[in-house]
C-alpha cells in the first residue's frame, strides 16, 4: 500500500509512467498522487484511508483491488 504520509515541503517529482498498482502519477519522494485527493490504493491528502473516503462518497469499490 502507498504511504499516506505527505510532505508539504516536498517539491514533488514524478516519473513519466503511472504506478501499476493504482494508475496514478506518484511523487518518487513522498508518494503524493498528482491531481488526486484520494485513491483506491488507500492514499489520501487527509492522511486517512482514501479507499474508505471514496466509499463514503458513493464510489463502488470492489474488494478484489
Protein backbone atom coordinates (compact mmCIF):
# COMPACT_ATOMS: atom_id res chain seq x y z
CA UNK A 1 0.00 0.00 0.00
CA UNK A 2 1.13 3.51 -0.74
CA UNK A 3 2.07 5.62 2.25
CA UNK A 4 -0.50 8.19 3.32
CA UNK A 5 2.26 10.48 4.56
CA UNK A 6 2.70 13.64 2.52
CA UNK A 7 5.42 16.18 2.99
CA UNK A 8 4.30 19.76 2.34
CA UNK A 9 7.90 20.80 1.83
CA UNK A 10 8.37 18.19 -0.92
CA UNK A 11 8.80 19.56 -4.44
CA UNK A 12 7.00 16.51 -5.94
CA UNK A 13 8.99 14.86 -8.69
CA UNK A 14 7.22 12.33 -10.92
CA UNK A 15 8.36 9.63 -13.31
CA UNK A 16 6.91 9.57 -16.83
CA UNK A 17 4.84 6.45 -16.14
CA UNK A 18 1.82 5.80 -13.95
CA UNK A 19 2.09 3.49 -10.98
CA UNK A 20 0.88 -0.02 -11.92
CA UNK A 21 -0.94 -0.56 -8.65
CA UNK A 22 -3.24 2.46 -8.64
CA UNK A 23 -2.79 4.06 -12.10
CA UNK A 24 -1.74 7.46 -10.73
CA UNK A 25 1.39 9.56 -11.08
CA UNK A 26 3.20 9.25 -7.74
CA UNK A 27 5.86 11.53 -6.32
CA UNK A 28 9.05 9.49 -6.07
CA UNK A 29 9.94 11.22 -2.79
CA UNK A 30 6.75 11.23 -0.71
CA UNK A 31 4.06 9.21 -2.52
CA UNK A 32 1.83 12.23 -3.30
CA UNK A 33 -0.71 11.36 -6.02
CA UNK A 34 -0.71 14.02 -8.74
CA UNK A 35 -4.13 15.69 -9.25
CA UNK A 36 -5.91 13.37 -6.76
CA UNK A 37 -7.39 13.93 -3.31
CA UNK A 38 -7.86 10.22 -2.57
CA UNK A 39 -7.12 6.91 -4.27
CA UNK A 40 -8.37 3.33 -4.36
CA UNK A 41 -4.99 2.17 -3.04
CA UNK A 42 -5.74 3.86 0.29
CA UNK A 43 -3.76 7.09 -0.14
CA UNK A 44 -5.49 10.37 0.76
CA UNK A 45 -4.49 14.01 1.19
CA UNK A 46 -6.13 13.93 4.61
CA UNK A 47 -3.90 11.07 5.76
CA UNK A 48 -6.97 8.91 6.38
CA UNK A 49 -7.98 5.84 4.39
CA UNK A 50 -8.63 7.07 0.84
CA UNK A 51 -10.49 3.90 -0.09
CA UNK A 52 -12.89 4.38 2.81
CA UNK A 53 -13.35 8.04 1.88
CA UNK A 54 -14.27 7.04 -1.69
CA UNK A 55 -16.86 4.60 -0.37
CA UNK A 56 -18.35 7.36 1.80
CA UNK A 57 -18.72 9.50 -1.33
CA UNK A 58 -20.66 6.69 -3.01
CA UNK A 59 -17.91 5.16 -5.14
CA UNK A 60 -18.29 1.47 -5.91
CA UNK A 61 -15.04 0.00 -4.60
CA UNK A 62 -14.56 -3.68 -5.38
CA UNK A 63 -12.97 -5.96 -2.80
CA UNK A 64 -10.53 -7.60 -5.24
CA UNK A 65 -8.44 -4.47 -5.80
